[in-house]
Amino acid sequence: MQTTRIKGWVAAGLGLTCCTMLQAQDAFVDRFVGDVGGAVFSTSAIVKSKEASTTVLPYVYGDWDRYFARVDTVGAKLLPLGMGHLEGVLRISQEGFDSNTSALKGIGQRSNPVPIGLGTFQRTSLGGVFVYAMHDLNSGGNALDLTYGARLDLGGIKIYPQAGLEYRSQAYVQHLYGVSSIEAAASQAAGGRMTAYRAGATTTPMVGLAATVPLSGPWSLQMQWRHKWLDSSVKNSPLVGAASQNTGFAAVSYEFK
């Protein structure tokens, strides 16, 4: 049923592409335009006995010719579409985790998803709309993300309120938060209490806030915070001990014009 639904969305997206591939204009520049720097990323833990993670990674948000990077999403602009482009995208996910705690004995390592697919960024007079439809190469599951971001200018500081929905298919969620009968037996044999669990598809609402704070010349401070309310299919997993998740980053970046 979920696979049929995803195929329907993809078909609808292709139909939309055919009907609206008229307005966007190519204006590719043969140099990088955007922000580059270093960032500290933080993610609250939702898996039992795991602690919040903090990672230092490069920060890139910008375009070079038809290629782009948007923090955790990279890709290429394929065709004009509406007020943007139809894009081929790759998501850099950090959702996986190691089962290296006593509470997770018998549970296999969860590798990071590798979602690839199609998407678009539509820049409208009321804000930006991001839509991504992706297939995960690791789990065989599917993901659909819809995000809206507005922009407010406050004394030189740019504020971006955000809201969105994230859909994940059963296979995608099972890969991360499901527990097989073999894992449950191994956990119980090691003194654990894990029981077998088959996860379902999820729909997760999100709100967020981002900001760009000028520092000196081309240097800026980039910040983002997002809050997700976990779907019951994730919350009910014996691996999970939280009802929501916070993610965020702070980056110092240099703007190339």
C-alpha atoms as a PDB file:
ATOM      1  CA  MET A   1       0.000   0.000   0.000  1.00  0.00           C
ATOM      2  CA  GLN A   2       2.773   2.468   0.944  1.00  0.00           C
ATOM      3  CA  THR A   3       4.718   1.603  -2.243  1.00  0.00           C
ATOM      4  CA  THR A   4       1.607   2.297  -4.293  1.00  0.00           C
ATOM      5  CA  ARG A   5       1.201   5.646  -2.538  1.00  0.00           C
ATOM      6  CA  ILE A   6       4.821   6.628  -3.256  1.00  0.00           C
ATOM      7  CA  LYS A   7       4.434   5.658  -6.916  1.00  0.00           C
ATOM      8  CA  GLY A   8       1.323   7.829  -7.063  1.00  0.00           C
ATOM      9  CA  TRP A   9       3.213  10.801  -5.644  1.00  0.00           C
ATOM     10  CA  VAL A  10       6.044  10.281  -8.134  1.00  0.00           C
ATOM     11  CA  ALA A  11       3.572  10.099 -11.028  1.00  0.00           C
ATOM     12  CA  ALA A  12       1.858  13.250  -9.808  1.00  0.00           C
ATOM     13  CA  GLY A  13       5.222  14.989  -9.521  1.00  0.00           C
ATOM     14  CA  LEU A  14       6.148  14.029 -13.078  1.00  0.00           C
ATOM     15  CA  GLY A  15       2.806  15.340 -14.282  1.00  0.00           C
ATOM     16  CA  LEU A  16       3.390  18.607 -12.448  1.00  0.00           C
ATOM     17  CA  THR A  17       6.826  18.813 -14.051  1.00  0.00           C
ATOM     18  CA  CYS A  18       5.383  18.478 -17.550  1.00  0.00           C
ATOM     19  CA  CYS A  19       2.745  21.126 -16.901  1.00  0.00           C
ATOM     20  CA  THR A  20       4.846  23.794 -15.159  1.00  0.00           C
ATOM     21  CA  MET A  21       8.298  23.489 -16.720  1.00  0.00           C
ATOM     22  CA  LEU A  22       7.860  26.898 -18.317  1.00  0.00           C
ATOM     23  CA  GLN A  23       8.539  29.723 -15.904  1.00  0.00           C
ATOM     24  CA  ALA A  24      11.981  29.195 -14.374  1.00  0.00           C
ATOM     25  CA  GLN A  25      14.907  30.780 -16.183  1.00  0.00           C
ATOM     26  CA  ASP A  26      18.432  29.388 -16.236  1.00  0.00           C
ATOM     27  CA  ALA A  27      20.924  31.854 -14.791  1.00  0.00           C
ATOM     28  CA  PHE A  28      23.865  29.602 -14.001  1.00  0.00           C
ATOM     29  CA  VAL A  29      27.152  31.262 -13.023  1.00  0.00           C
ATOM     30  CA  ASP A  30      30.515  29.585 -13.646  1.00  0.00           C
ATOM     31  CA  ARG A  31      31.785  30.221 -10.118  1.00  0.00           C
ATOM     32  CA  PHE A  32      30.656  29.419  -6.599  1.00  0.00           C
ATOM     33  CA  VAL A  33      28.075  31.820  -5.142  1.00  0.00           C
ATOM     34  CA  GLY A  34      27.082  31.247  -1.527  1.00  0.00           C
ATOM     35  CA  ASP A  35      28.507  30.534   1.914  1.00  0.00           C
ATOM     36  CA  VAL A  36      31.327  28.207   2.980  1.00  0.00           C
ATOM     37  CA  GLY A  37      32.594  27.591   6.495  1.00  0.00           C
ATOM     38  CA  GLY A  38      32.685  25.217   9.435  1.00  0.00           C
ATOM     39  CA  ALA A  39      29.776  24.158  11.617  1.00  0.00           C
ATOM     40  CA  VAL A  40      29.004  22.370  14.858  1.00  0.00           C
ATOM     41  CA  PHE A  41      25.970  20.110  14.440  1.00  0.00           C
ATOM     42  CA  SER A  42      24.018  18.827  17.437  1.00  0.00           C
ATOM     43  CA  THR A  43      21.296  16.157  17.533  1.00  0.00           C
ATOM     44  CA  SER A  44      19.374  15.075  20.621  1.00  0.00           C
ATOM     45  CA  ALA A  45      19.288  11.325  21.207  1.00  0.00           C
ATOM     46  CA  ILE A  46      16.058   9.385  20.800  1.00  0.00           C
ATOM     47  CA  VAL A  47      17.538   5.876  21.036  1.00  0.00           C
ATOM     48  CA  LYS A  48      17.678   4.477  24.560  1.00  0.00           C
ATOM     49  CA  SER A  49      21.064   4.743  26.315  1.00  0.00           C
ATOM     50  CA  LYS A  50      22.501   6.895  23.511  1.00  0.00           C
ATOM     51  CA  GLU A  51      23.646  10.441  24.236  1.00  0.00           C
ATOM     52  CA  ALA A  52      23.191  13.569  22.164  1.00  0.00           C
ATOM     53  CA  SER A  53      25.702  13.773  19.331  1.00  0.00           C
ATOM     54  CA  THR A  54      27.881  16.752  18.452  1.00  0.00           C
ATOM     55  CA  THR A  55      29.782  16.782  15.171  1.00  0.00           C
ATOM     56  CA  VAL A  56      32.071  19.311  13.497  1.00  0.00           C
ATOM     57  CA  LEU A  57      31.600  19.333   9.717  1.00  0.00           C
ATOM     58  CA  PRO A  58      32.032  21.678   6.750  1.00  0.00           C
ATOM     59  CA  TYR A  59      29.176  24.085   6.073  1.00  0.00           C
ATOM     60  CA  VAL A  60      28.254  24.818   2.449  1.00  0.00           C
ATOM     61  CA  TYR A  61      25.157  26.588   1.145  1.00  0.00           C
ATOM     62  CA  GLY A  62      25.374  27.837  -2.405  1.00  0.00           C
ATOM     63  CA  ASP A  63      25.537  27.157  -6.144  1.00  0.00           C
ATOM     64  CA  TRP A  64      28.234  26.538  -8.726  1.00  0.00           C
ATOM     65  CA  ASP A  65      26.859  26.471 -12.246  1.00  0.00           C
ATOM     66  CA  ARG A  66      23.889  24.067 -12.071  1.00  0.00           C
ATOM     67  CA  TYR A  67      25.256  22.234  -9.004  1.00  0.00           C
ATOM     68  CA  PHE A  68      24.323  23.140  -5.441  1.00  0.00           C
ATOM     69  CA  ALA A  69      24.808  22.277  -1.773  1.00  0.00           C
ATOM     70  CA  ARG A  70      22.238  23.081   0.930  1.00  0.00           C
ATOM     71  CA  VAL A  71      23.836  21.970   4.202  1.00  0.00           C
ATOM     72  CA  ASP A  72      22.808  18.279   4.136  1.00  0.00           C
ATOM     73  CA  THR A  73      21.477  18.095   0.563  1.00  0.00           C
ATOM     74  CA  VAL A  74      23.567  18.226  -2.610  1.00  0.00           C
ATOM     75  CA  GLY A  75      22.511  17.926  -6.208  1.00  0.00           C
ATOM     76  CA  ALA A  76      22.127  19.389  -9.671  1.00  0.00           C
ATOM     77  CA  LYS A  77      19.455  21.499 -11.341  1.00  0.00           C
ATOM     78  CA  LEU A  78      18.118  19.433 -14.225  1.00  0.00           C
ATOM     79  CA  LEU A  79      15.290  21.360 -15.848  1.00  0.00           C
ATOM     80  CA  PRO A  80      13.365  24.623 -15.322  1.00  0.00           C
ATOM     81  CA  LEU A  81      10.292  24.059 -13.167  1.00  0.00           C
ATOM     82  CA  GLY A  82       7.902  26.764 -11.958  1.00  0.00           C
ATOM     83  CA  MET A  83       9.903  29.347 -10.016  1.00  0.00           C
ATOM     84  CA  GLY A  84      12.885  27.025  -9.629  1.00  0.00           C
ATOM     85  CA  HIS A  85      14.182  23.799 -11.131  1.00  0.00           C
ATOM     86  CA  LEU A  86      13.607  20.087 -11.126  1.00  0.00           C
ATOM     87  CA  GLU A  87      16.644  18.803  -9.213  1.00  0.00           C
ATOM     88  CA  GLY A  88      18.477  15.528  -8.750  1.00  0.00           C
ATOM     89  CA  VAL A  89      19.410  15.288  -5.070  1.00  0.00           C
ATOM     90  CA  LEU A  90      21.422  13.275  -2.564  1.00  0.00           C
ATOM     91  CA  ARG A  91      20.712  13.633   1.154  1.00  0.00           C
ATOM     92  CA  ILE A  92      23.619  13.282   3.618  1.00  0.00           C
ATOM     93  CA  SER A  93      21.952  11.511   6.539  1.00  0.00           C
ATOM     94  CA  GLN A  94      23.272  11.007  10.068  1.00  0.00           C
ATOM     95  CA  GLU A  95      20.270   9.006  11.319  1.00  0.00           C
ATOM     96  CA  GLY A  96      22.173   5.751  11.800  1.00  0.00           C
ATOM     97  CA  PHE A  97      23.684   4.702  15.127  1.00  0.00           C
ATOM     98  CA  ASP A  98      26.039   2.184  16.709  1.00  0.00           C
ATOM     99  CA  SER A  99      24.671  -0.449  19.077  1.00  0.00           C
ATOM    100  CA  ASN A 100      27.625  -0.026  21.437  1.00  0.00           C
ATOM    101  CA  THR A 101      25.795   0.233  24.765  1.00  0.00           C
ATOM    102  CA  SER A 102      24.714  -2.423  27.256  1.00  0.00           C
ATOM    103  CA  ALA A 103      21.052  -1.561  26.659  1.00  0.00           C
ATOM    104  CA  LEU A 104      21.423  -2.377  22.949  1.00  0.00           C
ATOM    105  CA  LYS A 105      23.173  -5.745  23.237  1.00  0.00           C
ATOM    106  CA  GLY A 106      22.100  -8.033  20.431  1.00  0.00           C
ATOM    107  CA  ILE A 107      20.958  -5.122  18.256  1.00  0.00           C
ATOM    108  CA  GLY A 108      22.764  -4.701  14.955  1.00  0.00           C
ATOM    109  CA  GLN A 109      24.347  -1.452  13.866  1.00  0.00           C
ATOM    110  CA  ARG A 110      22.024   0.903  12.013  1.00  0.00           C
ATOM    111  CA  SER A 111      23.835   2.337   8.996  1.00  0.00           C
ATOM    112  CA  ASN A 112      23.023   5.825   7.788  1.00  0.00           C
ATOM    113  CA  PRO A 113      20.319   5.980   5.103  1.00  0.00           C
ATOM    114  CA  VAL A 114      21.472   7.089   1.641  1.00  0.00           C
ATOM    115  CA  PRO A 115      18.441   8.860   0.142  1.00  0.00           C
ATOM    116  CA  ILE A 116      18.617   9.914  -3.525  1.00  0.00           C
ATOM    117  CA  GLY A 117      15.869  11.232  -5.747  1.00  0.00           C
ATOM    118  CA  LEU A 118      14.223  14.294  -7.235  1.00  0.00           C
ATOM    119  CA  GLY A 119      13.257  17.588  -5.697  1.00  0.00           C
ATOM    120  CA  THR A 120      12.711  21.279  -6.235  1.00  0.00           C
ATOM    121  CA  PHE A 121      13.271  24.586  -4.493  1.00  0.00           C
ATOM    122  CA  GLN A 122      10.551  27.090  -5.386  1.00  0.00           C
ATOM    123  CA  ARG A 123      11.379  30.693  -4.508  1.00  0.00           C
ATOM    124  CA  THR A 124       8.080  32.547  -4.187  1.00  0.00           C
ATOM    125  CA  SER A 125       7.072  36.028  -3.025  1.00  0.00           C
ATOM    126  CA  LEU A 126       5.777  34.444   0.207  1.00  0.00           C
ATOM    127  CA  GLY A 127       8.906  32.383   0.948  1.00  0.00           C
ATOM    128  CA  GLY A 128      10.740  29.290  -0.185  1.00  0.00           C
ATOM    129  CA  VAL A 129       9.253  25.810  -0.646  1.00  0.00           C
ATOM    130  CA  PHE A 130      11.477  22.726  -0.686  1.00  0.00           C
ATOM    131  CA  VAL A 131      10.098  19.377  -1.900  1.00  0.00           C
ATOM    132  CA  TYR A 132      12.178  16.183  -2.042  1.00  0.00           C
ATOM    133  CA  ALA A 133      11.040  12.677  -3.047  1.00  0.00           C
ATOM    134  CA  MET A 134      13.828  10.159  -2.377  1.00  0.00           C
ATOM    135  CA  HIS A 135      14.631   6.450  -2.328  1.00  0.00           C
ATOM    136  CA  ASP A 136      16.994   5.104   0.333  1.00  0.00           C
ATOM    137  CA  LEU A 137      19.686   2.856  -1.128  1.00  0.00           C
ATOM    138  CA  ASN A 138      20.298   1.102   2.206  1.00  0.00           C
ATOM    139  CA  SER A 139      16.805   0.136   3.349  1.00  0.00           C
ATOM    140  CA  GLY A 140      14.970   0.190   0.027  1.00  0.00           C
ATOM    141  CA  GLY A 141      12.484   2.575   1.641  1.00  0.00           C
ATOM    142  CA  ASN A 142      11.227   5.952   0.470  1.00  0.00           C
ATOM    143  CA  ALA A 143      11.157   9.461   1.904  1.00  0.00           C
ATOM    144  CA  LEU A 144       9.149  12.560   1.071  1.00  0.00           C
ATOM    145  CA  ASP A 145      10.038  15.939   2.602  1.00  0.00           C
ATOM    146  CA  LEU A 146       8.064  19.163   2.334  1.00  0.00           C
ATOM    147  CA  THR A 147       9.485  22.320   3.965  1.00  0.00           C
ATOM    148  CA  TYR A 148       8.369  25.944   3.886  1.00  0.00           C
ATOM    149  CA  GLY A 149      10.628  28.795   4.958  1.00  0.00           C
ATOM    150  CA  ALA A 150       9.750  32.482   5.259  1.00  0.00           C
ATOM    151  CA  ARG A 151      12.232  35.364   5.613  1.00  0.00           C
ATOM    152  CA  LEU A 152      12.219  38.331   7.990  1.00  0.00           C
ATOM    153  CA  ASP A 153      14.836  41.105   8.038  1.00  0.00           C
ATOM    154  CA  LEU A 154      15.487  42.550  11.486  1.00  0.00           C
ATOM    155  CA  GLY A 155      18.185  45.218  11.575  1.00  0.00           C
ATOM    156  CA  GLY A 156      20.529  43.383   9.251  1.00  0.00           C
ATOM    157  CA  ILE A 157      19.807  39.953  10.757  1.00  0.00           C
ATOM    158  CA  LYS A 158      17.916  37.551   8.497  1.00  0.00           C
ATOM    159  CA  ILE A 159      15.401  35.300  10.301  1.00  0.00           C
ATOM    160  CA  TYR A 160      13.891  32.232   8.616  1.00  0.00           C
ATOM    161  CA  PRO A 161      10.867  30.613  10.338  1.00  0.00           C
ATOM    162  CA  GLN A 162      10.334  27.074   9.025  1.00  0.00           C
ATOM    163  CA  ALA A 163       7.637  24.394   9.042  1.00  0.00           C
ATOM    164  CA  GLY A 164       7.379  21.051   7.303  1.00  0.00           C
ATOM    165  CA  LEU A 165       6.328  17.420   7.094  1.00  0.00           C
ATOM    166  CA  GLU A 166       8.530  14.357   6.653  1.00  0.00           C
ATOM    167  CA  TYR A 167       7.132  11.047   5.384  1.00  0.00           C
ATOM    168  CA  ARG A 168       9.133   7.822   5.729  1.00  0.00           C
ATOM    169  CA  SER A 169       7.955   4.479   4.356  1.00  0.00           C
ATOM    170  CA  GLN A 170       7.770   1.283   6.424  1.00  0.00           C
ATOM    171  CA  ALA A 171      11.050  -0.092   5.074  1.00  0.00           C
ATOM    172  CA  TYR A 172      12.899   3.144   5.856  1.00  0.00           C
ATOM    173  CA  VAL A 173      11.637   3.232   9.467  1.00  0.00           C
ATOM    174  CA  GLN A 174      12.130  -0.508  10.002  1.00  0.00           C
ATOM    175  CA  HIS A 175      15.777  -0.198   8.990  1.00  0.00           C
ATOM    176  CA  LEU A 176      16.395   2.315  11.783  1.00  0.00           C
ATOM    177  CA  TYR A 177      13.952   1.460  14.564  1.00  0.00           C
ATOM    178  CA  GLY A 178      12.579  -2.006  13.892  1.00  0.00           C
ATOM    179  CA  VAL A 179      13.795  -5.048  15.875  1.00  0.00           C
ATOM    180  CA  SER A 180      13.992  -8.447  14.185  1.00  0.00           C
ATOM    181  CA  SER A 181      13.146 -11.671  16.014  1.00  0.00           C
ATOM    182  CA  ILE A 182      16.823 -12.662  15.767  1.00  0.00           C
ATOM    183  CA  GLU A 183      17.906  -9.400  17.409  1.00  0.00           C
ATOM    184  CA  ALA A 184      15.267  -9.751  20.129  1.00  0.00           C
ATOM    185  CA  ALA A 185      16.461 -13.288  20.925  1.00  0.00           C
ATOM    186  CA  ALA A 186      20.101 -12.151  20.996  1.00  0.00           C
ATOM    187  CA  SER A 187      19.203  -9.261  23.308  1.00  0.00           C
ATOM    188  CA  GLN A 188      17.333 -11.487  25.736  1.00  0.00           C
ATOM    189  CA  ALA A 189      20.129 -14.048  25.703  1.00  0.00           C
ATOM    190  CA  ALA A 190      22.523 -11.240  26.707  1.00  0.00           C
ATOM    191  CA  GLY A 191      20.266 -10.171  29.568  1.00  0.00           C
ATOM    192  CA  GLY A 192      18.435  -7.459  27.675  1.00  0.00           C
ATOM    193  CA  ARG A 193      14.708  -6.891  27.338  1.00  0.00           C
ATOM    194  CA  MET A 194      14.282  -6.094  23.672  1.00  0.00           C
ATOM    195  CA  THR A 195      11.246  -7.589  21.951  1.00  0.00           C
ATOM    196  CA  ALA A 196      10.649  -7.971  18.225  1.00  0.00           C
ATOM    197  CA  TYR A 197       9.083  -4.891  16.667  1.00  0.00           C
ATOM    198  CA  ARG A 198       7.915  -4.196  13.126  1.00  0.00           C
ATOM    199  CA  ALA A 199       7.737  -0.475  12.473  1.00  0.00           C
ATOM    200  CA  GLY A 200       5.249   1.190  10.165  1.00  0.00           C
ATOM    201  CA  ALA A 201       5.416   4.247   7.933  1.00  0.00           C
ATOM    202  CA  THR A 202       5.647   7.636   9.634  1.00  0.00           C
ATOM    203  CA  THR A 203       4.557  11.212   9.040  1.00  0.00           C
ATOM    204  CA  THR A 204       6.506  13.676  11.188  1.00  0.00           C
ATOM    205  CA  PRO A 205       5.704  17.394  11.594  1.00  0.00           C
ATOM    206  CA  MET A 206       8.587  19.828  12.041  1.00  0.00           C
ATOM    207  CA  VAL A 207       9.043  23.463  13.023  1.00  0.00           C
ATOM    208  CA  GLY A 208      12.288  25.378  12.963  1.00  0.00           C
ATOM    209  CA  LEU A 209      14.070  28.694  13.019  1.00  0.00           C
ATOM    210  CA  ALA A 210      17.200  29.738  11.164  1.00  0.00           C
ATOM    211  CA  ALA A 211      19.165  32.978  11.229  1.00  0.00           C
ATOM    212  CA  THR A 212      22.036  34.697   9.452  1.00  0.00           C
ATOM    213  CA  VAL A 213      23.889  37.201  11.649  1.00  0.00           C
ATOM    214  CA  PRO A 214      26.480  39.463   9.938  1.00  0.00           C
ATOM    215  CA  LEU A 215      29.879  39.499  11.676  1.00  0.00           C
ATOM    216  CA  SER A 216      32.500  41.405   9.691  1.00  0.00           C
ATOM    217  CA  GLY A 217      32.676  41.959   5.951  1.00  0.00           C
ATOM    218  CA  PRO A 218      31.789  38.691   4.176  1.00  0.00           C
ATOM    219  CA  TRP A 219      31.760  36.701   7.443  1.00  0.00           C
ATOM    220  CA  SER A 220      28.487  35.613   9.041  1.00  0.00           C
ATOM    221  CA  LEU A 221      27.141  33.404  11.786  1.00  0.00           C
ATOM    222  CA  GLN A 222      24.629  30.850  10.501  1.00  0.00           C
ATOM    223  CA  MET A 223      22.296  29.152  12.992  1.00  0.00           C
ATOM    224  CA  GLN A 224      19.432  26.692  12.767  1.00  0.00           C
ATOM    225  CA  TRP A 225      17.195  24.824  15.207  1.00  0.00           C
ATOM    226  CA  ARG A 226      14.516  22.268  14.312  1.00  0.00           C
ATOM    227  CA  HIS A 227      12.038  20.347  16.456  1.00  0.00           C
ATOM    228  CA  LYS A 228      10.296  17.147  15.308  1.00  0.00           C
ATOM    229  CA  TRP A 229       7.376  15.384  16.966  1.00  0.00           C
ATOM    230  CA  LEU A 230       8.022  11.668  16.480  1.00  0.00           C
ATOM    231  CA  ASP A 231       5.316   9.503  14.937  1.00  0.00           C
ATOM    232  CA  SER A 232       3.902   6.694  17.105  1.00  0.00           C
ATOM    233  CA  SER A 233       5.585   4.107  14.879  1.00  0.00           C
ATOM    234  CA  VAL A 234       8.955   5.461  16.049  1.00  0.00           C
ATOM    235  CA  LYS A 235       7.945   6.223  19.645  1.00  0.00           C
ATOM    236  CA  ASN A 236       6.602   2.683  20.139  1.00  0.00           C
ATOM    237  CA  SER A 237       9.876   1.049  19.103  1.00  0.00           C
ATOM    238  CA  PRO A 238      11.654  -0.695  22.013  1.00  0.00           C
ATOM    239  CA  LEU A 239      14.813   1.082  20.809  1.00  0.00           C
ATOM    240  CA  VAL A 240      13.355   4.554  21.312  1.00  0.00           C
ATOM    241  CA  GLY A 241      12.969   6.479  24.547  1.00  0.00           C
ATOM    242  CA  ALA A 242      11.799   9.929  23.402  1.00  0.00           C
ATOM    243  CA  ALA A 243       8.698  11.554  21.947  1.00  0.00           C
ATOM    244  CA  SER A 244      10.455  14.328  20.020  1.00  0.00           C
ATOM    245  CA  GLN A 245      13.858  15.318  18.682  1.00  0.00           C
ATOM    246  CA  ASN A 246      15.829  18.554  18.416  1.00  0.00           C
ATOM    247  CA  THR A 247      18.546  19.184  15.859  1.00  0.00           C
ATOM    248  CA  GLY A 248      20.584  22.262  15.123  1.00  0.00           C
ATOM    249  CA  PHE A 249      23.856  23.793  14.062  1.00  0.00           C
ATOM    250  CA  ALA A 250      25.932  26.933  14.373  1.00  0.00           C
ATOM    251  CA  ALA A 251      28.371  27.833  11.598  1.00  0.00           C
ATOM    252  CA  VAL A 252      30.820  30.602  10.813  1.00  0.00           C
ATOM    253  CA  SER A 253      30.779  31.149   7.057  1.00  0.00           C
ATOM    254  CA  TYR A 254      32.405  33.272   4.358  1.00  0.00           C
ATOM    255  CA  GLU A 255      30.185  34.574   1.570  1.00  0.00           C
ATOM    256  CA  PHE A 256      31.326  34.295  -2.054  1.00  0.00           C
ATOM    257  CA  LYS A 257      29.486  36.605  -4.453  1.00  0.00           C
END
